[in-house]
Amino acid sequence: MGALENQPDAFRDQRGVALIVALLIVAIATTAIVTMTNAQRIDLRRTENSFARDQATLFAYAGEAWARRILARDLEQSTIDTLDETWAQKLSPIALEHGEISGYIEDMSGRFNLNNLVSGSSQSLLDTGRFRRLLLLLNLNPDLLYAVIDWIDDNGTVSGPGGAEDPEYLAMDPPYRAANRPMVSPSELMMIKGFDFATYQKLAPFVTVLPTYTDINVNTASPAILHILAEDMKDGDVERIVQRRKEKPFRDAGEFVNDPNLLHYVIPTRGISVMSTYFLVTIHARIGHSRAHLFSLLRRGSDGVRVMMRGQGAW
């Protein structure tokens, strides 16, 4: 009789256990479903972001193609390069589906080419003088000139005060060697003795590095670069030159050096031009929350407009 009396309680216990097991199964299944749903949502978002990033990159390349067409057309229509031409006008933001694209072209002949300083082991006295004046104009140590020369030249001899070759760089932590070759990016300056990020930022807007010797285009150069073309150039004369070229761009180097505002300066025509070969194109594209920033160095010549280098994030 005792066994029979306890049977309903045992049965109820089994039902309770079964209910708990069922609830656990439902909870586990629910958790699994939620986890899979979240994973699927994350995968979907990741795919959307990847697709948007690819779209932004493709639009950036389209912007580069736009720049190449503009520069090629300009070469056909003009024998000089000036800041009032179509290529020099910024591309205002153009609305895209879920985004926009903008960009601009800069004439690298309007900057000082650091690789002009040295050819092999030979220094260019004309260009070392210009670079020294640029450093002084920006209130930077003029001895930085020699550190840059030693970084580029192909010998191991220190060129002057502030210069540095392998022994100085091998003593650093971490150690490395002087490049002893032409620079490939202005950001290399931060590896050169005497330069820090603040110095680099101050100098960066006025310098470039190009694979060949380049003249300074006096129609596109900034006032600071015009300033370094002669010793003790006065601010007022630079301002008058800038105003003059707005009204009537210079047609050749001779017309520039013979301008009435410059006759009391000694300015050689060598290293001066009114035509440019290298241009830096900056394109910003956005699709949704994804962004692409493309920097392309273009070379324009008789063989067309070619991409020399591309980068993303910094030039």
C-alpha atoms as a PDB file:
ATOM      1  CA  MET A   1       0.000   0.000   0.000  1.00  0.00           C
ATOM      2  CA  GLY A   2       2.924   2.389   0.804  1.00  0.00           C
ATOM      3  CA  ALA A   3       4.282   2.099  -2.709  1.00  0.00           C
ATOM      4  CA  LEU A   4       0.889   2.754  -4.173  1.00  0.00           C
ATOM      5  CA  GLU A   5       0.360   5.810  -1.940  1.00  0.00           C
ATOM      6  CA  ASN A   6       3.719   7.363  -3.072  1.00  0.00           C
ATOM      7  CA  GLN A   7       3.103   6.816  -6.752  1.00  0.00           C
ATOM      8  CA  PRO A   8       1.251  10.132  -7.387  1.00  0.00           C
ATOM      9  CA  ASP A   9       4.123  12.094  -5.733  1.00  0.00           C
ATOM     10  CA  ALA A  10       6.749  10.325  -7.909  1.00  0.00           C
ATOM     11  CA  PHE A  11       4.680  10.981 -10.949  1.00  0.00           C
ATOM     12  CA  ARG A  12       4.421  14.663 -10.054  1.00  0.00           C
ATOM     13  CA  ASP A  13       8.197  14.809  -9.548  1.00  0.00           C
ATOM     14  CA  GLN A  14       8.788  13.312 -12.964  1.00  0.00           C
ATOM     15  CA  ARG A  15       6.432  15.829 -14.511  1.00  0.00           C
ATOM     16  CA  GLY A  16       8.295  18.655 -12.737  1.00  0.00           C
ATOM     17  CA  VAL A  17      11.641  17.398 -13.980  1.00  0.00           C
ATOM     18  CA  ALA A  18      10.262  17.057 -17.486  1.00  0.00           C
ATOM     19  CA  LEU A  19       8.942  20.621 -17.325  1.00  0.00           C
ATOM     20  CA  ILE A  20      12.310  21.947 -16.178  1.00  0.00           C
ATOM     21  CA  VAL A  21      14.083  20.019 -18.940  1.00  0.00           C
ATOM     22  CA  ALA A  22      11.628  21.384 -21.471  1.00  0.00           C
ATOM     23  CA  LEU A  23      12.179  24.924 -20.228  1.00  0.00           C
ATOM     24  CA  LEU A  24      15.940  24.428 -20.422  1.00  0.00           C
ATOM     25  CA  ILE A  25      15.656  23.143 -23.984  1.00  0.00           C
ATOM     26  CA  VAL A  26      13.495  26.137 -24.920  1.00  0.00           C
ATOM     27  CA  ALA A  27      15.996  28.508 -23.250  1.00  0.00           C
ATOM     28  CA  ILE A  28      18.966  26.886 -25.008  1.00  0.00           C
ATOM     29  CA  ALA A  29      17.141  26.920 -28.337  1.00  0.00           C
ATOM     30  CA  THR A  30      16.150  30.551 -27.831  1.00  0.00           C
ATOM     31  CA  THR A  31      19.728  31.492 -26.944  1.00  0.00           C
ATOM     32  CA  ALA A  32      21.020  29.648 -29.991  1.00  0.00           C
ATOM     33  CA  ILE A  33      18.507  31.381 -32.242  1.00  0.00           C
ATOM     34  CA  VAL A  34      19.348  34.813 -30.792  1.00  0.00           C
ATOM     35  CA  THR A  35      23.067  34.099 -31.139  1.00  0.00           C
ATOM     36  CA  MET A  36      22.694  32.972 -34.728  1.00  0.00           C
ATOM     37  CA  THR A  37      20.476  35.955 -35.520  1.00  0.00           C
ATOM     38  CA  ASN A  38      23.013  38.368 -34.029  1.00  0.00           C
ATOM     39  CA  ALA A  39      25.854  36.646 -35.865  1.00  0.00           C
ATOM     40  CA  GLN A  40      23.866  36.856 -39.080  1.00  0.00           C
ATOM     41  CA  ARG A  41      23.142  40.525 -38.433  1.00  0.00           C
ATOM     42  CA  ILE A  42      26.840  41.205 -37.791  1.00  0.00           C
ATOM     43  CA  ASP A  43      27.819  39.306 -40.938  1.00  0.00           C
ATOM     44  CA  LEU A  44      25.251  41.280 -42.907  1.00  0.00           C
ATOM     45  CA  ARG A  45      26.530  44.580 -41.494  1.00  0.00           C
ATOM     46  CA  ARG A  46      30.114  43.539 -42.189  1.00  0.00           C
ATOM     47  CA  THR A  47      29.166  42.677 -45.771  1.00  0.00           C
ATOM     48  CA  GLU A  48      27.355  46.002 -46.168  1.00  0.00           C
ATOM     49  CA  ASN A  49      30.358  47.906 -44.812  1.00  0.00           C
ATOM     50  CA  SER A  50      32.746  45.994 -47.058  1.00  0.00           C
ATOM     51  CA  PHE A  51      30.538  46.679 -50.067  1.00  0.00           C
ATOM     52  CA  ALA A  52      30.281  50.370 -49.166  1.00  0.00           C
ATOM     53  CA  ARG A  53      34.050  50.595 -48.668  1.00  0.00           C
ATOM     54  CA  ASP A  54      34.646  48.995 -52.073  1.00  0.00           C
ATOM     55  CA  GLN A  55      32.149  51.408 -53.630  1.00  0.00           C
ATOM     56  CA  ALA A  56      33.894  54.397 -52.033  1.00  0.00           C
ATOM     57  CA  THR A  57      37.267  53.175 -53.310  1.00  0.00           C
ATOM     58  CA  LEU A  58      35.921  52.751 -56.840  1.00  0.00           C
ATOM     59  CA  PHE A  59      34.456  56.260 -56.763  1.00  0.00           C
ATOM     60  CA  ALA A  60      37.860  57.558 -55.609  1.00  0.00           C
ATOM     61  CA  TYR A  61      39.484  55.899 -58.622  1.00  0.00           C
ATOM     62  CA  ALA A  62      36.812  57.507 -60.799  1.00  0.00           C
ATOM     63  CA  GLY A  63      37.876  60.848 -59.320  1.00  0.00           C
ATOM     64  CA  GLU A  64      41.465  60.076 -60.296  1.00  0.00           C
ATOM     65  CA  ALA A  65      40.308  59.338 -63.864  1.00  0.00           C
ATOM     66  CA  TRP A  66      38.514  62.713 -63.878  1.00  0.00           C
ATOM     67  CA  ALA A  67      41.768  64.430 -62.898  1.00  0.00           C
ATOM     68  CA  ARG A  68      43.712  62.675 -65.655  1.00  0.00           C
ATOM     69  CA  ARG A  69      41.190  63.796 -68.281  1.00  0.00           C
ATOM     70  CA  ILE A  70      41.247  67.394 -67.007  1.00  0.00           C
ATOM     71  CA  LEU A  71      45.060  67.549 -67.106  1.00  0.00           C
ATOM     72  CA  ALA A  72      45.281  65.945 -70.540  1.00  0.00           C
ATOM     73  CA  ARG A  73      42.753  68.413 -71.963  1.00  0.00           C
ATOM     74  CA  ASP A  74      44.624  71.319 -70.381  1.00  0.00           C
ATOM     75  CA  LEU A  75      47.877  70.254 -72.066  1.00  0.00           C
ATOM     76  CA  GLU A  76      46.124  70.330 -75.437  1.00  0.00           C
ATOM     77  CA  GLN A  77      44.690  73.797 -74.855  1.00  0.00           C
ATOM     78  CA  SER A  78      47.446  75.703 -73.050  1.00  0.00           C
ATOM     79  CA  THR A  79      51.216  76.196 -73.126  1.00  0.00           C
ATOM     80  CA  ILE A  80      51.424  77.452 -69.525  1.00  0.00           C
ATOM     81  CA  ASP A  81      49.942  76.349 -66.204  1.00  0.00           C
ATOM     82  CA  THR A  82      48.226  78.871 -63.954  1.00  0.00           C
ATOM     83  CA  LEU A  83      45.968  78.854 -60.918  1.00  0.00           C
ATOM     84  CA  ASP A  84      42.953  80.149 -62.855  1.00  0.00           C
ATOM     85  CA  GLU A  85      42.766  77.092 -65.131  1.00  0.00           C
ATOM     86  CA  THR A  86      40.119  74.403 -64.790  1.00  0.00           C
ATOM     87  CA  TRP A  87      42.479  71.822 -63.248  1.00  0.00           C
ATOM     88  CA  ALA A  88      43.253  74.191 -60.356  1.00  0.00           C
ATOM     89  CA  GLN A  89      39.615  74.550 -59.287  1.00  0.00           C
ATOM     90  CA  LYS A  90      38.441  72.280 -56.488  1.00  0.00           C
ATOM     91  CA  LEU A  91      35.825  69.685 -57.314  1.00  0.00           C
ATOM     92  CA  SER A  92      32.872  70.679 -55.158  1.00  0.00           C
ATOM     93  CA  PRO A  93      31.198  67.757 -53.330  1.00  0.00           C
ATOM     94  CA  ILE A  94      29.054  65.778 -55.765  1.00  0.00           C
ATOM     95  CA  ALA A  95      26.132  63.908 -54.257  1.00  0.00           C
ATOM     96  CA  LEU A  96      26.074  60.144 -54.768  1.00  0.00           C
ATOM     97  CA  GLU A  97      23.529  57.589 -53.663  1.00  0.00           C
ATOM     98  CA  HIS A  98      24.139  57.394 -49.893  1.00  0.00           C
ATOM     99  CA  GLY A  99      27.293  59.497 -50.146  1.00  0.00           C
ATOM    100  CA  GLU A 100      29.412  62.096 -51.942  1.00  0.00           C
ATOM    101  CA  ILE A 101      32.767  62.639 -53.692  1.00  0.00           C
ATOM    102  CA  SER A 102      35.071  65.660 -53.770  1.00  0.00           C
ATOM    103  CA  GLY A 103      38.668  66.380 -54.687  1.00  0.00           C
ATOM    104  CA  TYR A 104      41.316  68.730 -55.999  1.00  0.00           C
ATOM    105  CA  ILE A 105      44.547  68.837 -58.011  1.00  0.00           C
ATOM    106  CA  GLU A 106      47.766  70.468 -56.798  1.00  0.00           C
ATOM    107  CA  ASP A 107      50.709  71.441 -58.980  1.00  0.00           C
ATOM    108  CA  MET A 108      53.824  69.899 -57.438  1.00  0.00           C
ATOM    109  CA  SER A 109      55.967  72.346 -59.406  1.00  0.00           C
ATOM    110  CA  GLY A 110      54.553  74.996 -57.120  1.00  0.00           C
ATOM    111  CA  ARG A 111      56.563  73.388 -54.292  1.00  0.00           C
ATOM    112  CA  PHE A 112      60.256  72.835 -53.665  1.00  0.00           C
ATOM    113  CA  ASN A 113      61.414  69.397 -54.806  1.00  0.00           C
ATOM    114  CA  LEU A 114      63.737  68.039 -52.105  1.00  0.00           C
ATOM    115  CA  ASN A 115      65.381  65.670 -54.581  1.00  0.00           C
ATOM    116  CA  ASN A 116      66.647  68.730 -56.481  1.00  0.00           C
ATOM    117  CA  LEU A 117      69.246  69.185 -53.747  1.00  0.00           C
ATOM    118  CA  VAL A 118      71.501  66.340 -54.862  1.00  0.00           C
ATOM    119  CA  SER A 119      72.310  64.363 -57.987  1.00  0.00           C
ATOM    120  CA  GLY A 120      74.432  61.365 -56.989  1.00  0.00           C
ATOM    121  CA  SER A 121      77.108  62.967 -54.830  1.00  0.00           C
ATOM    122  CA  SER A 122      76.852  66.433 -56.408  1.00  0.00           C
ATOM    123  CA  GLN A 123      74.953  69.189 -54.660  1.00  0.00           C
ATOM    124  CA  SER A 124      72.958  71.785 -56.571  1.00  0.00           C
ATOM    125  CA  LEU A 125      74.152  75.145 -55.239  1.00  0.00           C
ATOM    126  CA  LEU A 126      71.093  76.858 -56.712  1.00  0.00           C
ATOM    127  CA  ASP A 127      68.693  74.540 -54.900  1.00  0.00           C
ATOM    128  CA  THR A 128      70.606  74.323 -51.620  1.00  0.00           C
ATOM    129  CA  GLY A 129      70.394  78.105 -51.482  1.00  0.00           C
ATOM    130  CA  ARG A 130      66.647  78.004 -52.084  1.00  0.00           C
ATOM    131  CA  PHE A 131      66.047  75.340 -49.451  1.00  0.00           C
ATOM    132  CA  ARG A 132      68.165  77.163 -46.890  1.00  0.00           C
ATOM    133  CA  ARG A 133      66.104  80.308 -47.471  1.00  0.00           C
ATOM    134  CA  LEU A 134      62.899  78.285 -47.058  1.00  0.00           C
ATOM    135  CA  LEU A 135      64.079  76.948 -43.693  1.00  0.00           C
ATOM    136  CA  LEU A 136      64.936  80.460 -42.519  1.00  0.00           C
ATOM    137  CA  LEU A 137      61.602  81.811 -43.790  1.00  0.00           C
ATOM    138  CA  LEU A 138      59.783  79.189 -41.688  1.00  0.00           C
ATOM    139  CA  ASN A 139      61.969  79.918 -38.639  1.00  0.00           C
ATOM    140  CA  LEU A 140      63.582  76.481 -38.820  1.00  0.00           C
ATOM    141  CA  ASN A 141      67.222  75.593 -38.240  1.00  0.00           C
ATOM    142  CA  PRO A 142      69.057  76.164 -41.572  1.00  0.00           C
ATOM    143  CA  ASP A 143      71.494  73.345 -40.691  1.00  0.00           C
ATOM    144  CA  LEU A 144      68.658  70.900 -41.423  1.00  0.00           C
ATOM    145  CA  LEU A 145      69.703  71.428 -45.036  1.00  0.00           C
ATOM    146  CA  TYR A 146      72.838  69.314 -44.526  1.00  0.00           C
ATOM    147  CA  ALA A 147      70.942  66.490 -42.828  1.00  0.00           C
ATOM    148  CA  VAL A 148      68.622  66.250 -45.856  1.00  0.00           C
ATOM    149  CA  ILE A 149      71.576  66.353 -48.267  1.00  0.00           C
ATOM    150  CA  ASP A 150      73.321  63.516 -46.407  1.00  0.00           C
ATOM    151  CA  TRP A 151      70.106  61.483 -46.406  1.00  0.00           C
ATOM    152  CA  ILE A 152      69.904  61.731 -50.209  1.00  0.00           C
ATOM    153  CA  ASP A 153      73.512  61.719 -51.437  1.00  0.00           C
ATOM    154  CA  ASP A 154      75.185  58.393 -52.217  1.00  0.00           C
ATOM    155  CA  ASN A 155      78.310  58.863 -50.094  1.00  0.00           C
ATOM    156  CA  GLY A 156      79.084  58.472 -46.405  1.00  0.00           C
ATOM    157  CA  THR A 157      80.639  61.905 -45.896  1.00  0.00           C
ATOM    158  CA  VAL A 158      78.920  64.417 -43.619  1.00  0.00           C
ATOM    159  CA  SER A 159      78.250  67.468 -45.779  1.00  0.00           C
ATOM    160  CA  GLY A 160      78.134  70.206 -43.136  1.00  0.00           C
ATOM    161  CA  PRO A 161      77.002  71.260 -39.659  1.00  0.00           C
ATOM    162  CA  GLY A 162      73.898  69.325 -38.688  1.00  0.00           C
ATOM    163  CA  GLY A 163      74.583  66.648 -41.297  1.00  0.00           C
ATOM    164  CA  ALA A 164      74.362  62.938 -40.466  1.00  0.00           C
ATOM    165  CA  GLU A 165      75.423  59.657 -42.011  1.00  0.00           C
ATOM    166  CA  ASP A 166      75.297  56.000 -40.906  1.00  0.00           C
ATOM    167  CA  PRO A 167      77.220  56.404 -37.601  1.00  0.00           C
ATOM    168  CA  GLU A 168      74.619  58.876 -36.277  1.00  0.00           C
ATOM    169  CA  TYR A 169      71.641  56.783 -37.364  1.00  0.00           C
ATOM    170  CA  LEU A 170      73.107  53.468 -36.178  1.00  0.00           C
ATOM    171  CA  ALA A 171      73.479  54.994 -32.701  1.00  0.00           C
ATOM    172  CA  MET A 172      69.719  55.656 -32.530  1.00  0.00           C
ATOM    173  CA  ASP A 173      67.138  53.394 -30.898  1.00  0.00           C
ATOM    174  CA  PRO A 174      66.125  51.569 -32.997  1.00  0.00           C
ATOM    175  CA  PRO A 175      69.163  51.852 -35.264  1.00  0.00           C
ATOM    176  CA  TYR A 176      68.902  52.311 -39.033  1.00  0.00           C
ATOM    177  CA  ARG A 177      71.002  53.619 -41.904  1.00  0.00           C
ATOM    178  CA  ALA A 178      70.864  56.755 -44.012  1.00  0.00           C
ATOM    179  CA  ALA A 179      68.878  56.153 -47.199  1.00  0.00           C
ATOM    180  CA  ASN A 180      71.624  57.451 -49.556  1.00  0.00           C
ATOM    181  CA  ARG A 181      69.159  57.665 -52.416  1.00  0.00           C
ATOM    182  CA  PRO A 182      66.473  60.092 -53.648  1.00  0.00           C
ATOM    183  CA  MET A 183      63.505  60.412 -51.316  1.00  0.00           C
ATOM    184  CA  VAL A 184      60.222  58.733 -52.247  1.00  0.00           C
ATOM    185  CA  SER A 185      57.914  60.563 -49.814  1.00  0.00           C
ATOM    186  CA  PRO A 186      58.072  63.850 -47.904  1.00  0.00           C
ATOM    187  CA  SER A 187      57.238  61.873 -44.739  1.00  0.00           C
ATOM    188  CA  GLU A 188      60.813  60.515 -44.871  1.00  0.00           C
ATOM    189  CA  LEU A 189      61.813  63.826 -43.335  1.00  0.00           C
ATOM    190  CA  MET A 190      60.709  62.509 -39.944  1.00  0.00           C
ATOM    191  CA  MET A 191      63.460  59.875 -40.141  1.00  0.00           C
ATOM    192  CA  ILE A 192      66.158  62.464 -40.771  1.00  0.00           C
ATOM    193  CA  LYS A 193      68.281  63.788 -37.920  1.00  0.00           C
ATOM    194  CA  GLY A 194      66.938  67.057 -36.512  1.00  0.00           C
ATOM    195  CA  PHE A 195      63.380  66.618 -37.742  1.00  0.00           C
ATOM    196  CA  ASP A 196      60.366  65.920 -35.542  1.00  0.00           C
ATOM    197  CA  PHE A 197      56.659  65.860 -36.339  1.00  0.00           C
ATOM    198  CA  ALA A 198      56.194  69.579 -35.615  1.00  0.00           C
ATOM    199  CA  THR A 199      59.075  70.493 -37.947  1.00  0.00           C
ATOM    200  CA  TYR A 200      57.723  68.194 -40.634  1.00  0.00           C
ATOM    201  CA  GLN A 201      54.229  69.712 -40.384  1.00  0.00           C
ATOM    202  CA  LYS A 202      55.666  73.193 -40.754  1.00  0.00           C
ATOM    203  CA  LEU A 203      57.657  72.286 -43.851  1.00  0.00           C
ATOM    204  CA  ALA A 204      55.297  69.788 -45.541  1.00  0.00           C
ATOM    205  CA  PRO A 205      52.976  72.285 -47.337  1.00  0.00           C
ATOM    206  CA  PHE A 206      55.930  73.750 -49.234  1.00  0.00           C
ATOM    207  CA  VAL A 207      57.946  70.695 -50.291  1.00  0.00           C
ATOM    208  CA  THR A 208      57.541  67.615 -52.429  1.00  0.00           C
ATOM    209  CA  VAL A 209      59.677  64.722 -53.657  1.00  0.00           C
ATOM    210  CA  LEU A 210      59.685  63.873 -57.359  1.00  0.00           C
ATOM    211  CA  PRO A 211      61.672  61.305 -59.362  1.00  0.00           C
ATOM    212  CA  THR A 212      63.295  63.866 -61.696  1.00  0.00           C
ATOM    213  CA  TYR A 213      64.680  67.384 -61.387  1.00  0.00           C
ATOM    214  CA  THR A 214      61.803  69.862 -61.562  1.00  0.00           C
ATOM    215  CA  ASP A 215      61.654  73.612 -62.080  1.00  0.00           C
ATOM    216  CA  ILE A 216      59.498  75.855 -59.914  1.00  0.00           C
ATOM    217  CA  ASN A 217      56.413  77.104 -61.750  1.00  0.00           C
ATOM    218  CA  VAL A 218      56.223  80.812 -60.890  1.00  0.00           C
ATOM    219  CA  ASN A 219      52.568  80.946 -61.968  1.00  0.00           C
ATOM    220  CA  THR A 220      51.472  78.395 -59.360  1.00  0.00           C
ATOM    221  CA  ALA A 221      54.078  78.668 -56.579  1.00  0.00           C
ATOM    222  CA  SER A 222      52.916  79.849 -53.177  1.00  0.00           C
ATOM    223  CA  PRO A 223      54.177  83.225 -51.898  1.00  0.00           C
ATOM    224  CA  ALA A 224      56.630  81.369 -49.635  1.00  0.00           C
ATOM    225  CA  ILE A 225      58.189  79.550 -52.600  1.00  0.00           C
ATOM    226  CA  LEU A 226      58.384  82.764 -54.635  1.00  0.00           C
ATOM    227  CA  HIS A 227      60.122  84.285 -51.621  1.00  0.00           C
ATOM    228  CA  ILE A 228      63.044  81.826 -51.812  1.00  0.00           C
ATOM    229  CA  LEU A 229      63.877  82.451 -55.473  1.00  0.00           C
ATOM    230  CA  ALA A 230      66.176  85.318 -54.495  1.00  0.00           C
ATOM    231  CA  GLU A 231      68.170  86.416 -51.487  1.00  0.00           C
ATOM    232  CA  ASP A 232      66.385  88.927 -49.230  1.00  0.00           C
ATOM    233  CA  MET A 233      63.196  88.994 -51.289  1.00  0.00           C
ATOM    234  CA  LYS A 234      60.832  91.605 -49.828  1.00  0.00           C
ATOM    235  CA  ASP A 235      57.257  90.703 -48.853  1.00  0.00           C
ATOM    236  CA  GLY A 236      55.883  93.650 -50.825  1.00  0.00           C
ATOM    237  CA  ASP A 237      57.581  92.507 -54.020  1.00  0.00           C
ATOM    238  CA  VAL A 238      56.204  88.997 -53.584  1.00  0.00           C
ATOM    239  CA  GLU A 239      52.707  90.407 -53.085  1.00  0.00           C
ATOM    240  CA  ARG A 240      53.028  92.481 -56.249  1.00  0.00           C
ATOM    241  CA  ILE A 241      54.212  89.442 -58.213  1.00  0.00           C
ATOM    242  CA  VAL A 242      51.233  87.398 -56.982  1.00  0.00           C
ATOM    243  CA  GLN A 243      48.838  90.202 -57.989  1.00  0.00           C
ATOM    244  CA  ARG A 244      50.554  90.622 -61.356  1.00  0.00           C
ATOM    245  CA  ARG A 245      50.275  86.938 -62.299  1.00  0.00           C
ATOM    246  CA  LYS A 246      46.545  86.985 -61.418  1.00  0.00           C
ATOM    247  CA  GLU A 247      46.035  89.742 -63.982  1.00  0.00           C
ATOM    248  CA  LYS A 248      48.544  88.446 -66.520  1.00  0.00           C
ATOM    249  CA  PRO A 249      50.322  85.100 -65.993  1.00  0.00           C
ATOM    250  CA  PHE A 250      53.997  84.886 -66.916  1.00  0.00           C
ATOM    251  CA  ARG A 251      54.621  83.394 -70.366  1.00  0.00           C
ATOM    252  CA  ASP A 252      58.204  82.250 -69.695  1.00  0.00           C
ATOM    253  CA  ALA A 253      61.031  82.407 -67.141  1.00  0.00           C
ATOM    254  CA  GLY A 254      62.612  85.433 -68.825  1.00  0.00           C
ATOM    255  CA  GLU A 255      59.432  87.477 -68.460  1.00  0.00           C
ATOM    256  CA  PHE A 256      59.404  86.607 -64.744  1.00  0.00           C
ATOM    257  CA  VAL A 257      62.991  87.567 -63.895  1.00  0.00           C
ATOM    258  CA  ASN A 258      62.653  90.796 -65.947  1.00  0.00           C
ATOM    259  CA  ASP A 259      59.498  91.913 -64.173  1.00  0.00           C
ATOM    260  CA  PRO A 260      59.987  95.499 -62.891  1.00  0.00           C
ATOM    261  CA  ASN A 261      59.339  94.333 -59.330  1.00  0.00           C
ATOM    262  CA  LEU A 262      62.271  91.905 -59.508  1.00  0.00           C
ATOM    263  CA  LEU A 263      64.941  93.769 -61.450  1.00  0.00           C
ATOM    264  CA  HIS A 264      66.915  94.597 -58.276  1.00  0.00           C
ATOM    265  CA  TYR A 265      67.251  90.882 -57.416  1.00  0.00           C
ATOM    266  CA  VAL A 266      69.637  88.329 -58.881  1.00  0.00           C
ATOM    267  CA  ILE A 267      67.337  85.529 -60.094  1.00  0.00           C
ATOM    268  CA  PRO A 268      68.706  82.994 -62.602  1.00  0.00           C
ATOM    269  CA  THR A 269      66.217  81.635 -65.105  1.00  0.00           C
ATOM    270  CA  ARG A 270      67.545  78.129 -64.446  1.00  0.00           C
ATOM    271  CA  GLY A 271      65.157  76.162 -62.247  1.00  0.00           C
ATOM    272  CA  ILE A 272      62.187  78.396 -63.147  1.00  0.00           C
ATOM    273  CA  SER A 273      59.305  77.463 -65.445  1.00  0.00           C
ATOM    274  CA  VAL A 274      55.714  78.310 -66.311  1.00  0.00           C
ATOM    275  CA  MET A 275      54.738  74.736 -67.267  1.00  0.00           C
ATOM    276  CA  SER A 276      54.280  71.773 -64.937  1.00  0.00           C
ATOM    277  CA  THR A 277      54.710  68.027 -65.231  1.00  0.00           C
ATOM    278  CA  TYR A 278      53.797  66.515 -61.855  1.00  0.00           C
ATOM    279  CA  PHE A 279      50.456  66.909 -60.095  1.00  0.00           C
ATOM    280  CA  LEU A 280      49.070  65.510 -56.856  1.00  0.00           C
ATOM    281  CA  VAL A 281      45.403  64.501 -56.946  1.00  0.00           C
ATOM    282  CA  THR A 282      43.480  64.194 -53.675  1.00  0.00           C
ATOM    283  CA  ILE A 283      40.076  62.484 -53.793  1.00  0.00           C
ATOM    284  CA  HIS A 284      37.675  61.998 -50.877  1.00  0.00           C
ATOM    285  CA  ALA A 285      34.733  59.609 -51.366  1.00  0.00           C
ATOM    286  CA  ARG A 286      32.053  58.589 -48.866  1.00  0.00           C
ATOM    287  CA  ILE A 287      29.395  55.904 -49.123  1.00  0.00           C
ATOM    288  CA  GLY A 288      27.331  55.604 -45.944  1.00  0.00           C
ATOM    289  CA  HIS A 289      29.793  55.485 -43.060  1.00  0.00           C
ATOM    290  CA  SER A 290      32.639  54.191 -45.254  1.00  0.00           C
ATOM    291  CA  ARG A 291      35.258  56.608 -46.561  1.00  0.00           C
ATOM    292  CA  ALA A 292      38.101  56.398 -49.061  1.00  0.00           C
ATOM    293  CA  HIS A 293      40.900  58.967 -49.282  1.00  0.00           C
ATOM    294  CA  LEU A 294      43.071  58.550 -52.384  1.00  0.00           C
ATOM    295  CA  PHE A 295      46.282  60.438 -53.143  1.00  0.00           C
ATOM    296  CA  SER A 296      47.711  59.971 -56.632  1.00  0.00           C
ATOM    297  CA  LEU A 297      50.892  61.461 -58.058  1.00  0.00           C
ATOM    298  CA  LEU A 298      50.399  62.013 -61.791  1.00  0.00           C
ATOM    299  CA  ARG A 299      53.006  62.731 -64.451  1.00  0.00           C
ATOM    300  CA  ARG A 300      51.826  64.582 -67.526  1.00  0.00           C
ATOM    301  CA  GLY A 301      53.882  64.409 -70.691  1.00  0.00           C
ATOM    302  CA  SER A 302      53.788  63.770 -74.409  1.00  0.00           C
ATOM    303  CA  ASP A 303      52.871  60.147 -73.674  1.00  0.00           C
ATOM    304  CA  GLY A 304      49.770  61.167 -71.735  1.00  0.00           C
ATOM    305  CA  VAL A 305      48.950  61.412 -68.036  1.00  0.00           C
ATOM    306  CA  ARG A 306      50.310  58.490 -66.044  1.00  0.00           C
ATOM    307  CA  VAL A 307      49.938  57.451 -62.405  1.00  0.00           C
ATOM    308  CA  MET A 308      53.356  57.428 -60.752  1.00  0.00           C
ATOM    309  CA  MET A 309      52.258  56.565 -57.227  1.00  0.00           C
ATOM    310  CA  ARG A 310      49.092  55.986 -55.231  1.00  0.00           C
ATOM    311  CA  GLY A 311      48.504  56.109 -51.507  1.00  0.00           C
ATOM    312  CA  GLN A 312      45.683  56.114 -49.008  1.00  0.00           C
ATOM    313  CA  GLY A 313      45.611  58.038 -45.765  1.00  0.00           C
ATOM    314  CA  ALA A 314      48.692  60.272 -46.302  1.00  0.00           C
ATOM    315  CA  TRP A 315      50.977  61.577 -49.039  1.00  0.00           C
END
